[in-house]
């Protein structure tokens, strides 16, 4: 952006160097002091009005309503607050925890693996529910090994 070399009002030569050339407009020092700063006065007035309007709006704003959480009458959750310290000390008393007896297979039930060929060329080792079944990634693919090798027998020594 080019700067003016002469005053836009009186035509006097402008001899400013450094940052003052950018801070001043197109008028010399005499004309700027005589005419006043026409650009900064409206900018200051608009800024003051905007800040006052923002503060007034914040002052008149109503408080938010309280947070109310509704539960059904037959909700399984207890009405008493949860004591997290007691749960941390004795996790067996936690009423909200999931029973692990449903997720872990019984010791006497056999466990099966997928056995389909992977991209690496080895049999897939993901566990599946029944013999001959494939995991979600290998549905419809044949097994690489025989059915008896897909069964993981329970280890009796671990008991």
N, C-alpha and C. Protein backbone atom coordinates (compact mmCIF):
# COMPACT_ATOMS: atom_id res chain seq x y z
N UNK A 1 0.84 -1.15 0.00
CA UNK A 1 0.00 0.00 0.00
C UNK A 1 0.90 1.24 0.00
N UNK A 2 0.61 2.14 -0.91
CA UNK A 2 1.46 3.33 -1.01
C UNK A 2 0.99 4.40 -0.03
N UNK A 3 1.94 5.18 0.43
CA UNK A 3 1.66 6.26 1.37
C UNK A 3 1.68 7.60 0.62
N UNK A 4 0.93 8.54 1.13
CA UNK A 4 0.90 9.88 0.51
C UNK A 4 2.18 10.64 0.83
N UNK A 5 2.65 11.42 -0.15
CA UNK A 5 3.83 12.25 0.05
C UNK A 5 3.48 13.69 0.38
N UNK A 6 2.20 14.06 0.10
CA UNK A 6 1.77 15.44 0.32
C UNK A 6 0.47 15.44 1.12
N UNK A 7 0.24 16.50 1.88
CA UNK A 7 -0.96 16.64 2.70
C UNK A 7 -2.18 16.75 1.80
N UNK A 8 -3.24 16.04 2.15
CA UNK A 8 -4.45 16.06 1.35
C UNK A 8 -5.23 17.34 1.55
N UNK A 9 -4.95 18.10 2.61
CA UNK A 9 -5.70 19.32 2.89
C UNK A 9 -4.98 20.56 2.37
N UNK A 10 -3.71 20.73 2.73
CA UNK A 10 -2.99 21.95 2.37
C UNK A 10 -1.95 21.74 1.28
N UNK A 11 -1.53 20.52 1.02
CA UNK A 11 -0.55 20.24 -0.03
C UNK A 11 0.88 20.30 0.43
N UNK A 12 1.15 20.46 1.73
CA UNK A 12 2.53 20.51 2.24
C UNK A 12 3.16 19.13 2.15
N UNK A 13 4.50 19.14 2.01
CA UNK A 13 5.20 17.87 1.88
C UNK A 13 5.21 17.14 3.22
N UNK A 14 4.91 15.84 3.18
CA UNK A 14 4.91 15.01 4.40
C UNK A 14 6.27 14.36 4.53
N UNK A 15 6.97 14.62 5.62
CA UNK A 15 8.30 14.06 5.84
C UNK A 15 8.26 13.21 7.11
N UNK A 16 7.64 12.08 7.02
CA UNK A 16 7.56 11.17 8.19
C UNK A 16 8.33 9.90 7.88
N UNK A 17 8.95 9.37 8.91
CA UNK A 17 9.69 8.13 8.74
C UNK A 17 9.23 7.15 9.80
N UNK A 18 9.43 5.87 9.56
CA UNK A 18 9.15 4.82 10.55
C UNK A 18 7.67 4.55 10.71
N UNK A 19 7.30 4.23 11.91
CA UNK A 19 5.92 3.80 12.19
C UNK A 19 4.93 4.96 12.12
N UNK A 20 5.42 6.18 12.26
CA UNK A 20 4.50 7.33 12.22
C UNK A 20 3.87 7.51 10.84
N UNK A 21 4.53 7.05 9.81
CA UNK A 21 3.97 7.14 8.48
C UNK A 21 2.71 6.28 8.37
N UNK A 22 2.67 5.20 9.07
CA UNK A 22 1.50 4.32 9.04
C UNK A 22 0.44 4.79 10.03
N UNK A 23 0.87 5.40 11.14
CA UNK A 23 -0.08 5.83 12.16
C UNK A 23 -0.86 7.06 11.73
N UNK A 24 -0.24 7.98 11.01
CA UNK A 24 -0.91 9.20 10.57
C UNK A 24 -1.58 8.94 9.23
N UNK A 25 -2.52 9.75 8.90
CA UNK A 25 -3.24 9.63 7.64
C UNK A 25 -2.54 10.39 6.53
N UNK A 26 -3.36 11.06 5.75
CA UNK A 26 -2.83 11.78 4.60
C UNK A 26 -2.72 13.28 4.87
N UNK A 27 -2.68 13.72 6.13
CA UNK A 27 -2.61 15.14 6.48
C UNK A 27 -1.30 15.43 7.22
N UNK A 28 -0.87 16.66 7.12
CA UNK A 28 0.33 17.08 7.85
C UNK A 28 -0.03 17.30 9.32
N UNK A 29 0.98 17.56 10.15
CA UNK A 29 0.76 17.72 11.58
C UNK A 29 -0.13 18.92 11.89
N UNK A 30 0.05 20.01 11.15
CA UNK A 30 -0.77 21.22 11.39
C UNK A 30 -2.24 20.96 11.05
N UNK A 31 -2.48 20.36 9.90
CA UNK A 31 -3.87 20.09 9.50
C UNK A 31 -4.52 19.05 10.39
N UNK A 32 -3.76 18.06 10.83
CA UNK A 32 -4.32 17.01 11.69
C UNK A 32 -4.72 17.58 13.04
N UNK A 33 -3.89 18.49 13.59
CA UNK A 33 -4.24 19.08 14.89
C UNK A 33 -5.38 20.07 14.75
N UNK A 34 -5.45 20.79 13.63
CA UNK A 34 -6.51 21.79 13.42
C UNK A 34 -7.86 21.12 13.13
N UNK A 35 -7.87 20.06 12.31
CA UNK A 35 -9.12 19.40 11.93
C UNK A 35 -9.52 18.29 12.91
N UNK A 36 -8.61 17.84 13.67
CA UNK A 36 -8.89 16.76 14.62
C UNK A 36 -8.81 15.40 13.95
N UNK A 37 -8.83 14.40 14.76
CA UNK A 37 -8.74 13.04 14.24
C UNK A 37 -10.14 12.56 13.92
N UNK A 38 -10.51 12.62 12.70
CA UNK A 38 -11.87 12.27 12.29
C UNK A 38 -12.09 10.77 12.28
N UNK A 39 -11.05 9.99 12.12
CA UNK A 39 -11.22 8.54 12.04
C UNK A 39 -11.28 7.91 13.43
N UNK A 40 -10.46 8.38 14.35
CA UNK A 40 -10.40 7.72 15.64
C UNK A 40 -11.57 8.07 16.55
N UNK A 41 -12.14 9.26 16.43
CA UNK A 41 -13.25 9.63 17.30
C UNK A 41 -14.48 8.74 17.08
N UNK A 42 -14.92 8.54 15.84
CA UNK A 42 -16.07 7.64 15.66
C UNK A 42 -15.75 6.19 16.05
N UNK A 43 -14.53 5.77 15.83
CA UNK A 43 -14.15 4.41 16.20
C UNK A 43 -14.21 4.21 17.71
N UNK A 44 -13.74 5.20 18.47
CA UNK A 44 -13.80 5.13 19.93
C UNK A 44 -15.25 5.15 20.40
N UNK A 45 -16.07 6.00 19.79
CA UNK A 45 -17.47 6.09 20.19
C UNK A 45 -18.21 4.78 19.93
N UNK A 46 -17.99 4.17 18.79
CA UNK A 46 -18.63 2.89 18.46
C UNK A 46 -18.16 1.80 19.42
N UNK A 47 -16.89 1.78 19.76
CA UNK A 47 -16.36 0.78 20.69
C UNK A 47 -16.97 0.94 22.07
N UNK A 48 -17.09 2.17 22.56
CA UNK A 48 -17.69 2.41 23.88
C UNK A 48 -19.15 1.99 23.89
N UNK A 49 -19.89 2.30 22.84
CA UNK A 49 -21.30 1.89 22.77
C UNK A 49 -21.43 0.37 22.74
N UNK A 50 -20.57 -0.31 21.99
CA UNK A 50 -20.64 -1.77 21.91
C UNK A 50 -20.33 -2.41 23.26
N UNK A 51 -19.32 -1.92 23.96
CA UNK A 51 -18.98 -2.48 25.28
C UNK A 51 -20.09 -2.21 26.28
N UNK A 52 -20.68 -1.01 26.24
CA UNK A 52 -21.78 -0.69 27.15
C UNK A 52 -23.00 -1.56 26.87
N UNK A 53 -23.31 -1.80 25.60
CA UNK A 53 -24.45 -2.64 25.25
C UNK A 53 -24.22 -4.08 25.69
N UNK A 54 -23.01 -4.58 25.52
CA UNK A 54 -22.69 -5.94 25.96
C UNK A 54 -22.82 -6.07 27.48
N UNK A 55 -22.29 -5.09 28.22
CA UNK A 55 -22.36 -5.14 29.69
C UNK A 55 -23.81 -5.02 30.16
N UNK A 56 -24.59 -4.16 29.53
CA UNK A 56 -26.00 -4.00 29.90
C UNK A 56 -26.79 -5.27 29.61
N UNK A 57 -26.50 -5.93 28.50
CA UNK A 57 -27.16 -7.19 28.18
C UNK A 57 -26.82 -8.30 29.16
N UNK A 58 -25.58 -8.35 29.58
CA UNK A 58 -25.18 -9.35 30.58
C UNK A 58 -25.84 -9.09 31.92
N UNK A 59 -26.02 -7.83 32.25
CA UNK A 59 -26.65 -7.45 33.51
C UNK A 59 -28.14 -7.83 33.52
N UNK A 60 -28.82 -7.68 32.40
CA UNK A 60 -30.25 -7.95 32.33
C UNK A 60 -30.59 -9.42 32.06
N UNK A 61 -29.61 -10.23 31.78
CA UNK A 61 -29.87 -11.64 31.46
C UNK A 61 -30.42 -12.37 32.67
N UNK A 62 -31.45 -13.20 32.45
CA UNK A 62 -32.04 -13.97 33.55
C UNK A 62 -31.17 -15.17 33.88
N UNK A 63 -31.29 -15.65 35.10
CA UNK A 63 -30.53 -16.81 35.53
C UNK A 63 -31.10 -18.06 34.87
N UNK A 64 -30.26 -19.05 34.55
CA UNK A 64 -30.78 -20.27 33.94
C UNK A 64 -31.61 -21.06 34.95
N UNK A 65 -32.57 -21.83 34.47
CA UNK A 65 -33.39 -22.61 35.39
C UNK A 65 -32.56 -23.72 36.03
N UNK A 66 -32.97 -24.22 37.19
CA UNK A 66 -32.20 -25.30 37.82
C UNK A 66 -32.31 -26.58 37.01
N UNK A 67 -31.27 -27.39 37.09
CA UNK A 67 -31.23 -28.65 36.37
C UNK A 67 -32.05 -29.69 37.13
N UNK A 68 -33.05 -30.24 36.47
CA UNK A 68 -33.90 -31.26 37.08
C UNK A 68 -33.82 -32.51 36.22
N UNK A 69 -33.43 -33.61 36.83
CA UNK A 69 -33.33 -34.88 36.12
C UNK A 69 -34.50 -35.74 36.55
N UNK A 70 -35.33 -36.13 35.59
CA UNK A 70 -36.50 -36.94 35.88
C UNK A 70 -36.16 -38.41 35.65
N UNK A 71 -36.65 -39.26 36.55
CA UNK A 71 -36.50 -40.71 36.42
C UNK A 71 -37.86 -41.34 36.47
N UNK A 72 -37.99 -42.49 35.87
CA UNK A 72 -39.24 -43.23 35.92
C UNK A 72 -39.43 -43.78 37.33
N UNK A 73 -40.69 -44.06 37.67
CA UNK A 73 -40.99 -44.55 39.01
C UNK A 73 -40.39 -45.93 39.24
N UNK A 74 -40.26 -46.73 38.19
CA UNK A 74 -39.72 -48.08 38.35
C UNK A 74 -38.23 -48.16 38.00
N UNK A 75 -37.51 -47.06 38.18
CA UNK A 75 -36.09 -47.03 37.86
C UNK A 75 -35.31 -47.93 38.82
N UNK A 76 -34.35 -48.71 38.31
CA UNK A 76 -33.55 -49.59 39.17
C UNK A 76 -32.49 -48.84 39.96
N UNK A 77 -32.29 -47.56 39.67
CA UNK A 77 -31.26 -46.79 40.37
C UNK A 77 -31.73 -46.41 41.76
N UNK A 78 -30.82 -46.41 42.69
CA UNK A 78 -31.16 -46.08 44.07
C UNK A 78 -31.29 -44.56 44.22
N UNK A 79 -32.08 -44.13 45.22
CA UNK A 79 -32.26 -42.71 45.47
C UNK A 79 -31.12 -42.11 46.29
N UNK A 80 -30.36 -42.94 46.97
CA UNK A 80 -29.26 -42.44 47.78
C UNK A 80 -28.06 -42.15 46.88
N UNK A 81 -27.25 -41.16 47.22
CA UNK A 81 -26.07 -40.88 46.40
C UNK A 81 -25.05 -42.01 46.49
N UNK A 82 -24.25 -42.15 45.43
CA UNK A 82 -23.25 -43.20 45.36
C UNK A 82 -22.03 -42.79 46.17
N UNK A 83 -21.54 -43.70 47.00
CA UNK A 83 -20.33 -43.47 47.79
C UNK A 83 -19.15 -44.08 47.04
N UNK A 84 -18.40 -43.26 46.31
CA UNK A 84 -17.31 -43.76 45.48
C UNK A 84 -16.13 -44.25 46.32
N UNK A 85 -15.95 -43.72 47.49
CA UNK A 85 -14.85 -44.18 48.34
C UNK A 85 -15.06 -45.62 48.77
N UNK A 86 -16.29 -45.97 49.14
CA UNK A 86 -16.58 -47.34 49.56
C UNK A 86 -16.44 -48.31 48.39
N UNK A 87 -16.83 -47.88 47.19
CA UNK A 87 -16.71 -48.74 46.02
C UNK A 87 -15.25 -48.97 45.68
N UNK A 88 -14.43 -47.94 45.82
CA UNK A 88 -13.01 -48.08 45.51
C UNK A 88 -12.32 -49.02 46.49
N UNK A 89 -12.76 -49.01 47.75
CA UNK A 89 -12.13 -49.88 48.74
C UNK A 89 -12.59 -51.32 48.60
N UNK A 90 -13.89 -51.54 48.31
CA UNK A 90 -14.43 -52.89 48.20
C UNK A 90 -15.28 -52.98 46.94
N UNK A 91 -14.68 -53.34 45.80
CA UNK A 91 -15.43 -53.36 44.55
C UNK A 91 -16.48 -54.46 44.48
N UNK A 92 -16.47 -55.43 45.38
CA UNK A 92 -17.48 -56.50 45.35
C UNK A 92 -18.85 -56.00 45.78
N UNK A 93 -18.91 -54.88 46.49
CA UNK A 93 -20.19 -54.35 46.95
C UNK A 93 -20.83 -53.39 45.95
N UNK A 94 -20.22 -53.22 44.80
CA UNK A 94 -20.75 -52.31 43.80
C UNK A 94 -22.01 -52.91 43.18
N UNK A 95 -23.13 -52.25 43.35
CA UNK A 95 -24.41 -52.77 42.84
C UNK A 95 -24.54 -52.54 41.34
N UNK A 96 -23.81 -51.60 40.79
CA UNK A 96 -23.95 -51.28 39.38
C UNK A 96 -23.02 -52.07 38.48
N UNK A 97 -22.16 -52.88 39.00
CA UNK A 97 -21.20 -53.57 38.15
C UNK A 97 -21.88 -54.73 37.42
N UNK A 98 -21.33 -55.07 36.27
CA UNK A 98 -21.88 -56.14 35.46
C UNK A 98 -21.38 -57.47 36.00
N UNK A 99 -22.27 -58.43 36.05
CA UNK A 99 -21.89 -59.75 36.54
C UNK A 99 -20.92 -60.39 35.56
N UNK A 100 -19.80 -60.88 36.06
CA UNK A 100 -18.80 -61.48 35.19
C UNK A 100 -19.10 -62.93 34.88
N UNK A 101 -20.07 -63.51 35.54
CA UNK A 101 -20.38 -64.91 35.28
C UNK A 101 -21.00 -65.09 33.90
N UNK A 102 -21.64 -64.07 33.34
CA UNK A 102 -22.25 -64.17 32.02
C UNK A 102 -21.22 -63.98 30.91
N UNK A 103 -20.19 -63.23 31.15
CA UNK A 103 -19.24 -62.90 30.09
C UNK A 103 -18.12 -63.92 29.95
N UNK A 104 -17.76 -64.60 30.98
CA UNK A 104 -16.68 -65.57 30.93
C UNK A 104 -17.28 -66.96 30.75
N UNK A 105 -16.73 -67.68 29.80
CA UNK A 105 -17.23 -69.03 29.56
C UNK A 105 -16.90 -69.92 30.75
N UNK A 106 -17.76 -70.86 31.01
CA UNK A 106 -17.52 -71.80 32.11
C UNK A 106 -16.27 -72.63 31.80
N UNK A 107 -15.63 -73.12 32.83
CA UNK A 107 -14.37 -73.84 32.67
C UNK A 107 -14.54 -75.13 31.90
N UNK A 108 -15.72 -75.76 31.97
CA UNK A 108 -15.89 -77.06 31.31
C UNK A 108 -16.38 -76.92 29.87
N UNK A 109 -16.78 -75.74 29.43
CA UNK A 109 -17.24 -75.55 28.06
C UNK A 109 -16.04 -75.37 27.13
N UNK A 110 -16.07 -75.98 25.96
CA UNK A 110 -14.96 -75.78 25.01
C UNK A 110 -15.06 -74.40 24.34
N UNK A 111 -13.92 -73.88 23.97
CA UNK A 111 -13.85 -72.59 23.30
C UNK A 111 -13.30 -72.84 21.90
N UNK A 112 -13.87 -72.14 20.89
CA UNK A 112 -13.47 -72.35 19.51
C UNK A 112 -12.81 -71.10 18.96
N UNK A 113 -11.93 -71.30 17.96
CA UNK A 113 -11.32 -70.17 17.28
C UNK A 113 -11.79 -70.16 15.83
N UNK A 114 -11.63 -69.03 15.15
CA UNK A 114 -12.12 -68.84 13.78
C UNK A 114 -11.37 -69.76 12.81
N UNK A 115 -10.07 -69.64 12.71
CA UNK A 115 -9.27 -70.53 11.89
C UNK A 115 -9.19 -70.17 10.43
N UNK A 116 -9.82 -69.10 9.96
CA UNK A 116 -9.75 -68.71 8.56
C UNK A 116 -8.39 -68.12 8.23
N UNK A 117 -8.04 -68.13 6.93
CA UNK A 117 -6.74 -67.61 6.51
C UNK A 117 -6.75 -66.09 6.62
N UNK A 118 -5.74 -65.53 7.26
CA UNK A 118 -5.58 -64.08 7.38
C UNK A 118 -4.73 -63.58 6.22
N UNK A 119 -4.54 -62.25 6.11
CA UNK A 119 -3.70 -61.68 5.07
C UNK A 119 -2.25 -62.12 5.23
N UNK A 120 -1.89 -62.36 6.46
CA UNK A 120 -0.52 -62.80 6.76
C UNK A 120 -0.31 -64.26 6.36
N UNK A 121 -1.42 -65.00 6.22
CA UNK A 121 -1.32 -66.41 5.82
C UNK A 121 -1.45 -67.37 6.99
N UNK A 122 -1.66 -66.86 8.16
CA UNK A 122 -1.81 -67.72 9.34
C UNK A 122 -3.28 -67.87 9.70
N UNK A 123 -3.65 -68.88 10.47
CA UNK A 123 -5.06 -69.01 10.88
C UNK A 123 -5.46 -67.90 11.86
N UNK A 124 -6.68 -67.42 11.72
CA UNK A 124 -7.21 -66.39 12.61
C UNK A 124 -7.39 -66.98 14.00
N UNK A 125 -7.04 -66.21 15.02
CA UNK A 125 -7.10 -66.72 16.39
C UNK A 125 -8.23 -66.09 17.21
N UNK A 126 -9.17 -65.41 16.57
CA UNK A 126 -10.30 -64.84 17.31
C UNK A 126 -11.22 -65.95 17.79
N UNK A 127 -11.76 -65.73 18.98
CA UNK A 127 -12.67 -66.73 19.54
C UNK A 127 -14.07 -66.56 18.96
N UNK A 128 -14.74 -67.69 18.73
CA UNK A 128 -16.11 -67.69 18.22
C UNK A 128 -16.96 -68.58 19.13
N UNK A 129 -18.30 -68.49 18.97
CA UNK A 129 -19.21 -69.19 19.87
C UNK A 129 -19.31 -70.69 19.60
N UNK A 130 -19.42 -71.06 18.33
CA UNK A 130 -19.64 -72.48 18.01
C UNK A 130 -18.58 -72.95 17.03
N UNK A 131 -18.46 -74.27 16.91
CA UNK A 131 -17.48 -74.86 16.00
C UNK A 131 -17.93 -74.60 14.57
N UNK A 132 -16.99 -74.32 13.67
CA UNK A 132 -17.30 -74.09 12.28
C UNK A 132 -17.74 -72.66 11.99
N UNK A 133 -17.92 -71.84 12.99
CA UNK A 133 -18.32 -70.45 12.80
C UNK A 133 -17.08 -69.61 12.56
N UNK A 134 -17.24 -68.47 11.83
CA UNK A 134 -16.13 -67.56 11.58
C UNK A 134 -16.39 -66.25 12.30
N UNK A 135 -15.33 -65.49 12.54
CA UNK A 135 -15.46 -64.19 13.18
C UNK A 135 -16.07 -63.20 12.18
N UNK A 136 -16.36 -61.99 12.63
CA UNK A 136 -17.03 -61.00 11.78
C UNK A 136 -16.20 -60.65 10.55
N UNK A 137 -14.89 -60.75 10.64
CA UNK A 137 -14.03 -60.34 9.55
C UNK A 137 -13.88 -61.43 8.49
N UNK A 138 -14.08 -62.67 8.88
CA UNK A 138 -13.85 -63.79 7.95
C UNK A 138 -15.11 -64.58 7.66
N UNK A 139 -16.28 -63.97 7.75
CA UNK A 139 -17.54 -64.67 7.46
C UNK A 139 -17.51 -65.21 6.05
N UNK A 140 -17.90 -66.48 5.88
CA UNK A 140 -17.97 -67.09 4.56
C UNK A 140 -16.68 -67.70 4.08
N UNK A 141 -15.59 -67.53 4.81
CA UNK A 141 -14.31 -68.09 4.37
C UNK A 141 -14.13 -69.48 5.00
N UNK A 142 -13.43 -70.36 4.30
CA UNK A 142 -13.19 -71.70 4.87
C UNK A 142 -12.08 -71.65 5.92
N UNK A 143 -12.06 -72.65 6.77
CA UNK A 143 -11.01 -72.74 7.78
C UNK A 143 -9.76 -73.33 7.17
N UNK A 144 -8.60 -72.99 7.69
CA UNK A 144 -7.33 -73.51 7.20
C UNK A 144 -7.00 -74.87 7.80
N UNK A 145 -7.50 -75.10 9.02
CA UNK A 145 -7.15 -76.33 9.74
C UNK A 145 -8.42 -77.13 10.00
N UNK A 146 -8.24 -78.36 10.48
CA UNK A 146 -9.40 -79.23 10.72
C UNK A 146 -10.19 -78.72 11.94
N UNK A 147 -11.42 -79.23 12.07
CA UNK A 147 -12.33 -78.79 13.11
C UNK A 147 -11.82 -79.12 14.51
N UNK A 148 -11.14 -80.23 14.68
CA UNK A 148 -10.64 -80.59 16.02
C UNK A 148 -9.50 -79.68 16.47
N UNK A 149 -8.78 -79.08 15.51
CA UNK A 149 -7.71 -78.14 15.88
C UNK A 149 -8.25 -76.74 16.19
N UNK A 150 -9.52 -76.48 15.85
CA UNK A 150 -10.13 -75.19 16.15
C UNK A 150 -10.67 -75.13 17.57
N UNK A 151 -10.68 -76.24 18.29
CA UNK A 151 -11.21 -76.28 19.65
C UNK A 151 -10.08 -76.02 20.63
N UNK A 152 -10.31 -75.07 21.53
CA UNK A 152 -9.35 -74.81 22.61
C UNK A 152 -9.87 -75.56 23.82
N UNK A 153 -9.16 -76.57 24.20
CA UNK A 153 -9.60 -77.38 25.33
C UNK A 153 -9.28 -76.67 26.64
N UNK A 154 -10.20 -76.77 27.61
CA UNK A 154 -9.93 -76.11 28.91
C UNK A 154 -8.72 -76.73 29.59
N UNK A 155 -7.91 -75.88 30.18
CA UNK A 155 -6.70 -76.34 30.86
C UNK A 155 -7.06 -76.77 32.26
N UNK A 156 -6.88 -78.03 32.55
CA UNK A 156 -7.24 -78.59 33.86
C UNK A 156 -6.18 -78.18 34.90
N UNK A 157 -4.96 -77.92 34.48
CA UNK A 157 -3.89 -77.59 35.43
C UNK A 157 -4.09 -76.22 36.06
N UNK A 158 -4.84 -75.33 35.44
CA UNK A 158 -5.03 -73.99 35.99
C UNK A 158 -5.95 -73.99 37.19
N UNK A 159 -6.79 -74.99 37.36
CA UNK A 159 -7.72 -75.05 38.48
C UNK A 159 -7.03 -75.27 39.74
